[in-house]
N, C-alpha and C. Protein backbone atom coordinates (compact mmCIF):
# COMPACT_ATOMS: atom_id res chain seq x y z
N MET A 1 15.97 54.32 10.57
CA MET A 1 14.91 54.89 9.90
C MET A 1 13.78 54.00 10.22
N ALA A 2 12.56 54.67 10.32
CA ALA A 2 11.40 53.97 10.69
C ALA A 2 10.76 53.23 9.49
N PRO A 3 10.33 51.99 9.86
CA PRO A 3 9.46 51.26 8.68
C PRO A 3 8.31 52.15 8.23
N ALA A 4 7.95 51.79 6.86
CA ALA A 4 6.81 52.50 6.23
C ALA A 4 5.48 52.30 7.05
N SER A 5 5.28 51.30 7.72
CA SER A 5 4.10 51.16 8.46
C SER A 5 4.01 52.08 9.73
N ASP A 6 5.16 52.20 10.35
CA ASP A 6 5.20 53.24 11.50
C ASP A 6 4.89 54.70 10.94
N GLN A 7 5.54 55.03 9.77
CA GLN A 7 5.32 56.36 9.27
C GLN A 7 3.62 56.48 9.02
N GLN A 8 3.05 55.44 8.41
CA GLN A 8 1.79 55.58 8.10
C GLN A 8 0.83 55.65 9.37
N ASP A 9 1.36 54.86 10.39
CA ASP A 9 0.65 54.99 11.55
C ASP A 9 0.60 56.27 12.26
N GLN A 10 2.03 56.96 12.21
CA GLN A 10 1.97 58.36 12.83
C GLN A 10 1.18 59.24 11.96
N ARG A 11 1.00 59.12 10.66
CA ARG A 11 0.39 60.13 9.79
C ARG A 11 -1.16 59.85 10.07
N PHE A 12 -1.49 58.60 10.26
CA PHE A 12 -2.92 58.39 10.61
C PHE A 12 -3.29 59.03 11.97
N ASP A 13 -2.28 58.80 12.99
CA ASP A 13 -2.67 59.47 14.22
C ASP A 13 -2.76 60.89 14.20
N ARG A 14 -1.88 61.68 13.33
CA ARG A 14 -2.01 63.01 13.25
C ARG A 14 -3.31 63.56 12.56
N GLU A 15 -3.80 62.76 11.59
CA GLU A 15 -5.12 63.08 10.80
C GLU A 15 -6.23 63.00 11.79
N VAL A 16 -6.19 61.74 12.46
CA VAL A 16 -7.42 61.59 13.41
C VAL A 16 -7.31 62.70 14.57
N GLY A 17 -6.23 62.79 15.13
CA GLY A 17 -6.14 63.90 16.01
C GLY A 17 -6.59 65.38 15.60
N ALA A 18 -6.27 65.65 14.40
CA ALA A 18 -6.73 67.03 13.91
C ALA A 18 -8.17 66.97 13.60
N LYS A 19 -8.69 65.87 13.29
CA LYS A 19 -10.32 65.96 12.96
C LYS A 19 -10.94 65.86 14.47
N GLU A 20 -10.41 65.18 15.33
CA GLU A 20 -11.03 65.08 16.69
C GLU A 20 -10.96 66.66 17.37
N ARG A 21 -9.88 67.35 17.16
CA ARG A 21 -9.75 68.71 17.59
C ARG A 21 -10.76 69.45 16.98
N ARG A 22 -11.06 69.47 15.63
CA ARG A 22 -11.88 70.29 14.95
C ARG A 22 -13.48 69.83 15.37
N LYS A 23 -13.58 68.63 15.67
CA LYS A 23 -14.87 68.25 16.15
C LYS A 23 -15.44 68.81 17.48
N ILE A 24 -14.39 68.69 18.35
CA ILE A 24 -14.49 69.22 19.69
C ILE A 24 -14.55 70.77 19.57
N LYS A 25 -13.89 71.37 18.86
CA LYS A 25 -14.08 72.86 18.80
C LYS A 25 -15.47 73.25 18.16
N ALA A 26 -15.84 72.46 17.24
CA ALA A 26 -17.30 72.74 16.75
C ALA A 26 -18.37 72.49 17.70
N ARG A 27 -18.13 71.43 18.37
CA ARG A 27 -19.26 71.20 19.54
C ARG A 27 -19.02 72.40 20.60
N ALA A 28 -17.99 72.89 20.85
CA ALA A 28 -17.74 73.88 21.91
C ALA A 28 -18.33 75.28 21.33
N ASP A 29 -18.21 75.47 20.09
CA ASP A 29 -18.76 76.77 19.62
C ASP A 29 -20.27 76.96 19.66
N ARG A 30 -20.84 75.76 19.35
CA ARG A 30 -22.31 75.72 19.54
C ARG A 30 -22.98 76.97 18.66
N ARG A 31 -22.53 76.96 17.32
CA ARG A 31 -23.25 77.98 16.65
C ARG A 31 -24.78 77.66 16.22
N SER A 32 -25.48 78.58 16.35
CA SER A 32 -27.04 78.26 16.24
C SER A 32 -27.49 78.25 14.77
N VAL A 33 -28.64 77.69 14.59
CA VAL A 33 -29.30 77.74 13.33
C VAL A 33 -29.38 79.29 12.62
N TRP A 34 -29.60 80.15 13.55
CA TRP A 34 -29.60 81.59 13.15
C TRP A 34 -28.25 81.97 12.48
N PHE A 35 -27.17 81.46 13.01
CA PHE A 35 -25.79 81.81 12.35
C PHE A 35 -25.79 81.20 11.03
N GLY A 36 -26.31 79.96 10.87
CA GLY A 36 -26.22 79.32 9.45
C GLY A 36 -27.13 80.17 8.45
N LEU A 37 -28.21 80.53 8.99
CA LEU A 37 -29.07 81.32 8.16
C LEU A 37 -28.68 82.74 7.80
N GLY A 38 -27.95 83.26 8.82
CA GLY A 38 -27.35 84.60 8.42
C GLY A 38 -26.26 84.49 7.45
N MET A 39 -25.38 83.41 7.58
CA MET A 39 -24.38 83.20 6.63
C MET A 39 -24.86 82.84 5.18
N PHE A 40 -26.07 82.11 5.11
CA PHE A 40 -26.80 82.00 3.81
C PHE A 40 -27.27 83.27 3.23
N GLY A 41 -27.76 84.22 4.24
CA GLY A 41 -28.16 85.50 3.65
C GLY A 41 -27.04 86.27 3.26
N MET A 42 -25.85 86.23 3.97
CA MET A 42 -24.79 87.23 3.48
C MET A 42 -24.27 86.68 2.06
N VAL A 43 -24.32 85.34 1.77
CA VAL A 43 -23.71 84.92 0.64
C VAL A 43 -24.71 85.33 -0.64
N GLY A 44 -26.09 85.25 -0.34
CA GLY A 44 -27.03 85.77 -1.28
C GLY A 44 -26.96 87.24 -1.47
N TRP A 45 -26.64 88.12 -0.53
CA TRP A 45 -26.76 89.58 -0.67
C TRP A 45 -25.27 89.86 -1.40
N SER A 46 -24.26 89.11 -1.07
CA SER A 46 -22.97 89.29 -1.73
C SER A 46 -22.93 89.02 -3.04
N VAL A 47 -23.91 88.23 -3.57
CA VAL A 47 -24.16 88.14 -5.09
C VAL A 47 -25.10 89.04 -5.64
N ALA A 48 -26.12 89.29 -4.93
CA ALA A 48 -27.26 90.18 -5.44
C ALA A 48 -26.98 91.67 -5.71
N ILE A 49 -26.14 92.14 -4.70
CA ILE A 49 -25.89 93.50 -4.79
C ILE A 49 -25.10 93.79 -5.92
N PRO A 50 -23.93 93.29 -6.22
CA PRO A 50 -23.18 93.54 -7.56
C PRO A 50 -23.93 93.40 -8.69
N THR A 51 -24.82 92.32 -8.65
CA THR A 51 -25.39 92.00 -9.87
C THR A 51 -26.46 93.21 -10.15
N VAL A 52 -27.35 93.44 -9.20
CA VAL A 52 -28.33 94.53 -9.33
C VAL A 52 -27.63 95.92 -9.71
N ALA A 53 -26.60 96.19 -9.07
CA ALA A 53 -25.70 97.41 -9.43
C ALA A 53 -25.24 97.48 -10.84
N ALA A 54 -24.76 96.28 -11.19
CA ALA A 54 -24.22 96.18 -12.63
C ALA A 54 -25.39 96.45 -13.68
N ILE A 55 -26.53 95.83 -13.42
CA ILE A 55 -27.65 95.90 -14.25
C ILE A 55 -28.18 97.32 -14.26
N ALA A 56 -28.17 98.07 -13.26
CA ALA A 56 -28.63 99.43 -13.20
C ALA A 56 -27.56 100.11 -14.05
N LEU A 57 -26.45 100.09 -13.92
CA LEU A 57 -25.46 100.70 -14.75
C LEU A 57 -25.60 100.23 -16.20
N GLY A 58 -25.89 99.08 -16.39
CA GLY A 58 -26.21 98.72 -17.88
C GLY A 58 -27.35 99.37 -18.48
N VAL A 59 -28.35 99.44 -17.75
CA VAL A 59 -29.70 100.22 -18.35
C VAL A 59 -29.31 101.57 -18.71
N TRP A 60 -28.69 102.18 -17.72
CA TRP A 60 -28.26 103.64 -17.93
C TRP A 60 -27.32 103.90 -18.91
N LEU A 61 -26.48 102.89 -19.20
CA LEU A 61 -25.67 103.11 -20.25
C LEU A 61 -26.39 102.70 -21.62
N ASP A 62 -27.24 101.74 -21.62
CA ASP A 62 -27.93 101.59 -22.82
C ASP A 62 -28.79 102.72 -23.28
N LYS A 63 -29.41 103.42 -22.31
CA LYS A 63 -30.26 104.56 -22.66
C LYS A 63 -29.31 105.80 -23.04
N SER A 64 -28.20 105.89 -22.34
CA SER A 64 -27.42 107.10 -22.69
C SER A 64 -26.45 106.84 -24.04
N TYR A 65 -26.02 105.75 -24.19
CA TYR A 65 -25.21 105.46 -25.36
C TYR A 65 -25.93 104.09 -26.36
N PRO A 66 -26.89 104.19 -26.98
CA PRO A 66 -27.46 103.21 -27.63
C PRO A 66 -26.47 102.69 -28.80
N GLY A 67 -26.68 101.35 -28.93
CA GLY A 67 -25.71 100.81 -29.91
C GLY A 67 -25.65 99.41 -30.01
N PRO A 68 -25.10 98.74 -30.78
CA PRO A 68 -25.13 97.38 -30.85
C PRO A 68 -24.72 96.50 -29.67
N PRO A 69 -23.74 96.75 -28.97
CA PRO A 69 -23.57 96.00 -27.64
C PRO A 69 -24.56 96.20 -26.80
N SER A 70 -25.19 95.26 -26.10
CA SER A 70 -26.08 95.40 -24.95
C SER A 70 -25.31 95.48 -23.73
N TRP A 71 -25.23 96.66 -23.11
CA TRP A 71 -24.62 96.96 -21.94
C TRP A 71 -25.20 96.08 -20.71
N THR A 72 -26.50 96.05 -20.80
CA THR A 72 -27.19 95.46 -19.72
C THR A 72 -26.92 94.09 -19.42
N LEU A 73 -26.91 93.32 -20.67
CA LEU A 73 -26.33 91.87 -20.51
C LEU A 73 -25.08 91.82 -20.22
N THR A 74 -24.14 92.55 -20.85
CA THR A 74 -22.69 92.44 -20.71
C THR A 74 -22.43 92.71 -19.08
N LEU A 75 -22.96 93.72 -18.58
CA LEU A 75 -22.68 93.97 -17.23
C LEU A 75 -23.45 93.08 -16.25
N LEU A 76 -24.55 92.42 -16.69
CA LEU A 76 -25.27 91.41 -15.99
C LEU A 76 -24.28 90.17 -15.62
N VAL A 77 -23.62 89.83 -16.88
CA VAL A 77 -22.78 88.64 -16.62
C VAL A 77 -21.40 89.17 -15.81
N ILE A 78 -21.01 90.23 -15.97
CA ILE A 78 -19.93 90.72 -15.09
C ILE A 78 -20.28 90.89 -13.66
N GLY A 79 -21.42 91.42 -13.35
CA GLY A 79 -21.99 91.51 -11.88
C GLY A 79 -22.20 90.10 -11.23
N VAL A 80 -22.64 89.19 -12.03
CA VAL A 80 -22.76 87.73 -11.43
C VAL A 80 -21.47 87.19 -11.02
N ALA A 81 -20.49 87.45 -11.95
CA ALA A 81 -19.09 86.95 -11.84
C ALA A 81 -18.65 87.65 -10.51
N VAL A 82 -18.65 88.88 -10.41
CA VAL A 82 -18.05 89.70 -9.34
C VAL A 82 -18.65 89.23 -8.13
N GLY A 83 -20.02 89.05 -8.11
CA GLY A 83 -20.74 88.66 -6.82
C GLY A 83 -20.41 87.21 -6.42
N CYS A 84 -20.25 86.25 -7.42
CA CYS A 84 -19.67 84.92 -7.12
C CYS A 84 -18.45 84.90 -6.47
N LEU A 85 -17.47 85.71 -7.06
CA LEU A 85 -16.25 85.77 -6.44
C LEU A 85 -16.13 86.40 -5.07
N ASN A 86 -16.96 87.33 -4.84
CA ASN A 86 -17.18 87.99 -3.56
C ASN A 86 -17.64 86.97 -2.59
N ALA A 87 -18.63 86.29 -2.87
CA ALA A 87 -19.26 85.21 -2.15
C ALA A 87 -18.07 84.06 -1.79
N TRP A 88 -17.38 83.64 -2.74
CA TRP A 88 -16.35 82.79 -2.68
C TRP A 88 -15.38 83.06 -1.72
N PHE A 89 -14.81 84.34 -1.91
CA PHE A 89 -13.81 84.81 -0.84
C PHE A 89 -14.44 84.89 0.61
N TRP A 90 -15.52 85.44 0.76
CA TRP A 90 -16.27 85.54 1.99
C TRP A 90 -16.35 84.10 2.61
N ILE A 91 -16.73 83.18 2.01
CA ILE A 91 -16.95 81.67 2.52
C ILE A 91 -15.55 81.15 2.70
N LYS A 92 -14.51 81.34 1.97
CA LYS A 92 -13.06 80.99 2.29
C LYS A 92 -12.64 81.56 3.48
N ARG A 93 -12.90 82.91 3.83
CA ARG A 93 -12.39 83.49 4.85
C ARG A 93 -12.99 83.05 6.16
N GLU A 94 -14.48 82.82 6.18
CA GLU A 94 -15.16 82.04 7.21
C GLU A 94 -14.55 80.78 7.47
N SER A 95 -14.34 79.98 6.59
CA SER A 95 -13.77 78.66 6.80
C SER A 95 -12.41 78.61 7.28
N LYS A 96 -11.70 79.49 7.01
CA LYS A 96 -10.33 79.67 7.62
C LYS A 96 -10.42 79.92 9.13
N GLU A 97 -11.30 80.78 9.40
CA GLU A 97 -11.63 81.14 10.88
C GLU A 97 -12.07 79.88 11.62
N ASP A 98 -12.79 78.90 11.11
CA ASP A 98 -13.16 77.67 11.64
C ASP A 98 -12.09 76.88 12.05
N GLN A 99 -11.15 76.75 11.05
CA GLN A 99 -9.98 75.89 11.28
C GLN A 99 -8.97 76.29 12.16
């Protein structure tokens, strides 16, 4: 059985090797600034589209079925939540591809 310091050394070597491989791969990819701006734009649109669609539906529901609950505000919150989840899944998928 290997001493604890040998196990720690091996674990350290694996972590450093993994980070080195990621760094080399990132340098080889050479993604441009335009890629970053495009990704930034996609995240914005992935939040904005569900939010605006939910607000439009809420306005229509408020006009068609007036009543005490404000459908516009309710669907605004739901639209923002759906948009944020959408953006989170999209970023998570992109980061998995990078690794």
